[in-house]
Protein backbone atom coordinates (compact mmCIF):
# COMPACT_ATOMS: atom_id res chain seq x y z
CA UNK A 1 -80.17 44.88 107.47
CA UNK A 2 -79.52 44.01 103.89
CA UNK A 3 -79.28 40.43 102.70
CA UNK A 4 -75.67 39.43 102.23
CA UNK A 5 -76.47 37.30 99.13
CA UNK A 6 -78.27 40.31 97.52
CA UNK A 7 -75.20 42.53 98.22
CA UNK A 8 -72.92 39.92 96.62
CA UNK A 9 -75.20 39.75 93.54
CA UNK A 10 -75.13 43.53 93.17
CA UNK A 11 -71.42 43.64 93.50
CA UNK A 12 -71.08 40.85 90.75
CA UNK A 13 -73.30 42.82 88.43
CA UNK A 14 -71.22 46.00 88.72
CA UNK A 15 -67.74 44.38 89.33
CA UNK A 16 -64.92 43.33 87.17
CA UNK A 17 -66.83 40.42 85.81
CA UNK A 18 -69.68 42.61 84.52
CA UNK A 19 -67.13 44.98 82.91
CA UNK A 20 -65.40 42.07 81.17
CA UNK A 21 -68.81 40.85 79.90
CA UNK A 22 -69.66 44.33 78.55
CA UNK A 23 -66.20 44.52 76.80
CA UNK A 24 -66.79 41.16 75.16
CA UNK A 25 -70.27 42.21 73.92
CA UNK A 26 -68.93 45.44 72.26
CA UNK A 27 -66.38 43.64 69.94
CA UNK A 28 -69.12 41.04 69.17
CA UNK A 29 -71.55 43.76 68.04
CA UNK A 30 -68.84 45.53 66.05
CA UNK A 31 -67.87 42.07 64.34
CA UNK A 32 -71.55 41.47 63.50
CA UNK A 33 -71.91 44.93 61.97
CA UNK A 34 -68.65 44.43 59.88
CA UNK A 35 -69.95 40.94 58.76
CA UNK A 36 -73.31 42.41 57.64
CA UNK A 37 -71.65 45.19 55.68
CA UNK A 38 -69.21 42.79 54.02
CA UNK A 39 -72.15 40.46 53.03
CA UNK A 40 -73.98 43.37 51.43
CA UNK A 41 -70.87 44.65 49.64
CA UNK A 42 -70.19 41.13 48.30
CA UNK A 43 -73.77 40.90 47.00
CA UNK A 44 -73.61 44.31 45.42
CA UNK A 45 -70.26 43.74 43.88
CA UNK A 46 -71.36 40.43 42.20
CA UNK A 47 -74.57 41.92 40.86
CA UNK A 48 -72.62 44.96 39.60
CA UNK A 49 -70.15 42.72 37.84
CA UNK A 50 -73.01 40.79 36.28
CA UNK A 51 -74.38 43.98 34.71
CA UNK A 52 -71.08 45.35 33.63
CA UNK A 53 -69.52 42.22 32.05
CA UNK A 54 -69.60 42.26 28.21
CA UNK A 55 -71.78 39.18 27.90
CA UNK A 56 -73.33 40.45 24.64
CA UNK A 57 -70.16 39.43 22.72
CA UNK A 58 -70.32 35.73 23.56
CA UNK A 59 -72.21 32.94 21.87
CA UNK A 60 -73.30 29.49 22.71
CA UNK A 61 -69.73 28.35 23.36
CA UNK A 62 -69.36 31.44 25.68
CA UNK A 63 -72.45 30.44 27.57
CA UNK A 64 -71.16 26.88 28.19
CA UNK A 65 -67.73 28.17 29.16
CA UNK A 66 -69.18 30.62 31.57
CA UNK A 67 -71.46 28.01 33.13
CA UNK A 68 -68.64 25.36 33.65
CA UNK A 69 -66.03 27.96 34.83
CA UNK A 70 -68.67 29.51 37.15
CA UNK A 71 -69.59 26.19 38.77
CA UNK A 72 -65.96 25.40 39.29
CA UNK A 73 -65.52 28.92 40.93
CA UNK A 74 -68.46 28.26 43.17
CA UNK A 75 -66.98 24.98 44.32
CA UNK A 76 -63.60 26.50 44.98
CA UNK A 77 -64.95 29.62 46.77
CA UNK A 78 -67.23 27.33 48.93
CA UNK A 79 -64.31 25.06 49.91
CA UNK A 80 -62.16 28.02 50.77
CA UNK A 81 -64.97 29.52 52.97
CA UNK A 82 -65.39 26.29 54.87
CA UNK A 83 -61.69 26.33 55.96
CA UNK A 84 -62.01 30.08 56.85
CA UNK A 85 -65.10 29.45 58.95
CA UNK A 86 -63.35 26.70 60.98
CA UNK A 87 -60.46 28.96 61.77
CA UNK A 88 -62.33 32.24 62.34
CA UNK A 89 -62.80 33.69 65.74
CA UNK A 90 -66.32 34.47 64.72
CA UNK A 91 -67.56 31.28 62.88
CA UNK A 92 -71.24 32.08 62.88
CA UNK A 93 -70.69 35.60 61.40
CA UNK A 94 -68.23 34.12 58.83
CA UNK A 95 -70.82 31.55 57.85
CA UNK A 96 -73.30 34.33 57.10
CA UNK A 97 -70.78 36.00 54.74
CA UNK A 98 -70.00 32.66 53.13
CA UNK A 99 -73.60 31.82 52.52
CA UNK A 100 -74.22 35.38 51.03
CA UNK A 101 -71.23 35.05 48.71
CA UNK A 102 -72.08 31.59 47.54
CA UNK A 103 -75.76 32.21 47.02
CA UNK A 104 -75.31 35.42 45.08
CA UNK A 105 -72.56 33.98 42.91
CA UNK A 106 -74.74 30.96 42.13
CA UNK A 107 -77.68 33.12 41.08
CA UNK A 108 -75.60 35.43 39.04
CA UNK A 109 -73.89 32.65 37.39
CA UNK A 110 -77.12 31.12 36.13
CA UNK A 111 -78.62 34.52 35.24
CA UNK A 112 -75.62 35.10 32.99
CA UNK A 113 -76.05 31.65 31.44
CA UNK A 114 -79.74 32.32 30.78
CA UNK A 115 -78.97 35.69 29.18
CA UNK A 116 -76.33 34.20 26.98
CA UNK A 117 -78.51 31.40 25.88
CA UNK A 118 -81.28 33.67 24.92
CA UNK A 119 -78.85 35.89 22.92
CA UNK A 120 -77.29 33.02 21.10
CA UNK A 121 -80.56 31.05 20.55
CA UNK A 122 -83.49 33.41 20.35
CA UNK A 123 -86.86 31.80 21.38
CA UNK A 124 -85.24 29.72 24.15
CA UNK A 125 -87.58 31.38 26.64
CA UNK A 126 -91.09 32.53 26.38
CA UNK A 127 -89.91 36.19 25.93
CA UNK A 128 -86.71 37.91 25.15
CA UNK A 129 -84.52 38.28 28.28
CA UNK A 130 -82.81 41.42 29.40
CA UNK A 131 -80.17 41.01 32.18
CA UNK A 132 -82.72 41.95 34.71
CA UNK A 133 -85.18 39.40 33.27
CA UNK A 134 -82.42 36.66 33.35
CA UNK A 135 -81.65 37.48 37.03
CA UNK A 136 -85.44 37.59 37.90
CA UNK A 137 -85.90 34.14 36.28
CA UNK A 138 -82.95 32.76 38.16
CA UNK A 139 -84.21 34.01 41.48
CA UNK A 140 -87.78 32.83 40.94
CA UNK A 141 -86.48 29.41 39.90
CA UNK A 142 -84.26 29.15 43.00
CA UNK A 143 -87.03 30.26 45.33
CA UNK A 144 -89.46 27.72 43.55
CA UNK A 145 -91.99 30.57 43.20
CA UNK A 146 -92.51 30.01 39.49
CA UNK A 147 -94.92 32.76 38.44
CA UNK A 148 -95.04 31.40 34.92
CA UNK A 149 -94.49 34.78 33.13
CA UNK A 150 -91.10 33.54 31.94
CA UNK A 151 -90.53 29.80 30.98
CA UNK A 152 -87.92 27.87 29.22
CA UNK A 153 -89.02 26.61 25.88
CA UNK A 154 -86.00 25.13 24.20
CA UNK A 155 -84.39 21.93 25.29
CA UNK A 156 -81.15 23.75 26.15
CA UNK A 157 -83.16 26.20 28.28
CA UNK A 158 -84.95 23.46 30.09
CA UNK A 159 -81.82 21.44 30.76
CA UNK A 160 -80.11 24.63 32.13
CA UNK A 161 -83.10 25.29 34.31
CA UNK A 162 -83.07 21.76 35.67
CA UNK A 163 -79.34 22.19 36.45
CA UNK A 164 -80.13 25.24 38.53
CA UNK A 165 -82.95 23.39 40.32
CA UNK A 166 -80.56 20.62 41.20
CA UNK A 167 -77.81 22.94 42.25
CA UNK A 168 -80.26 24.95 44.40
CA UNK A 169 -81.36 21.84 46.27
CA UNK A 170 -77.68 20.93 46.83
CA UNK A 171 -76.96 24.45 47.91
CA UNK A 172 -79.84 24.53 50.50
CA UNK A 173 -79.26 20.98 51.79
CA UNK A 174 -75.72 19.81 51.48
CA UNK A 175 -73.99 23.23 51.49
CA UNK A 176 -75.95 24.45 54.52
CA UNK A 177 -74.99 21.26 56.38
CA UNK A 178 -71.33 21.62 55.54
CA UNK A 179 -71.33 25.20 56.68
CA UNK A 180 -73.06 24.29 59.94
CA UNK A 181 -70.31 21.59 60.51
CA UNK A 182 -67.66 24.26 59.84
CA UNK A 183 -69.25 26.55 62.47
CA UNK A 184 -69.28 23.70 65.01
CA UNK A 185 -65.64 22.89 64.30
CA UNK A 186 -64.85 26.64 64.83
CA UNK A 187 -66.67 26.66 68.17
CA UNK A 188 -64.90 23.59 69.38
CA UNK A 189 -61.55 25.13 68.40
CA UNK A 190 -62.57 28.24 70.45
CA UNK A 191 -63.40 26.12 73.53
CA UNK A 192 -60.02 24.43 73.31
CA UNK A 193 -58.23 27.75 73.06
CA UNK A 194 -54.72 28.46 71.70
CA UNK A 195 -53.04 25.92 74.04
CA UNK A 196 -55.60 23.23 73.36
CA UNK A 197 -57.36 23.62 76.77
CA UNK A 198 -59.96 25.98 78.05
CA UNK A 199 -60.09 27.26 81.59
CA UNK A 200 -62.60 25.99 84.13
CA UNK A 201 -65.59 27.99 85.24
CA UNK A 202 -68.55 29.49 83.37
CA UNK A 203 -66.62 30.38 80.28
CA UNK A 204 -65.69 26.74 79.70
CA UNK A 205 -69.32 26.07 78.73
CA UNK A 206 -70.01 29.21 76.81
CA UNK A 207 -70.19 28.61 73.07
CA UNK A 208 -69.03 31.10 70.41
CA UNK A 209 -66.94 33.26 72.79
CA UNK A 210 -66.19 36.55 71.00
CA UNK A 211 -62.94 38.01 72.57
CA UNK A 212 -62.14 40.26 69.70
CA UNK A 213 -63.23 41.82 66.35
């Protein structure tokens, strides 16, 4: 004779509950794939814009304007992303997109500022910078690797590098904390549901429920 509890377990694994679980997983995987593709496209688009923008035509005033406007843009984009994450049906995936966009925009912004500074004031760095060199220097400064092959020599170059170091610390510390808070707000919103209440049962304690793409 078969064990009744085993039979009930087998029916549960192959019954309507199991089919609903599989249906929820498929949209979640699709949403994860879409989020990954969007993050890559955002990074590629920002880097492509960095190489295509006519930065050679700008001087010292252009470098300062680019830096100020870029920092304001980073703040505005980040604030908008925090609100989107809190309202998104996939807050964790949206946070990955937001982090990718903010990080790449931050690096491209400072790479452009380094490149413009070197063009307007030659000798600001230990060697002339191409766009790739400027992006490389911005990335090594952000990651605190510091190979020493490119270094800031002028006072303006060192001030700009210190600004990036400070901004990088804020991005890693404060911004990551804010994004995590937005994710938690989105998860709490999902648990409450559209009517402000979630049903009882196992789903009530399940975080980050993904019911759709």
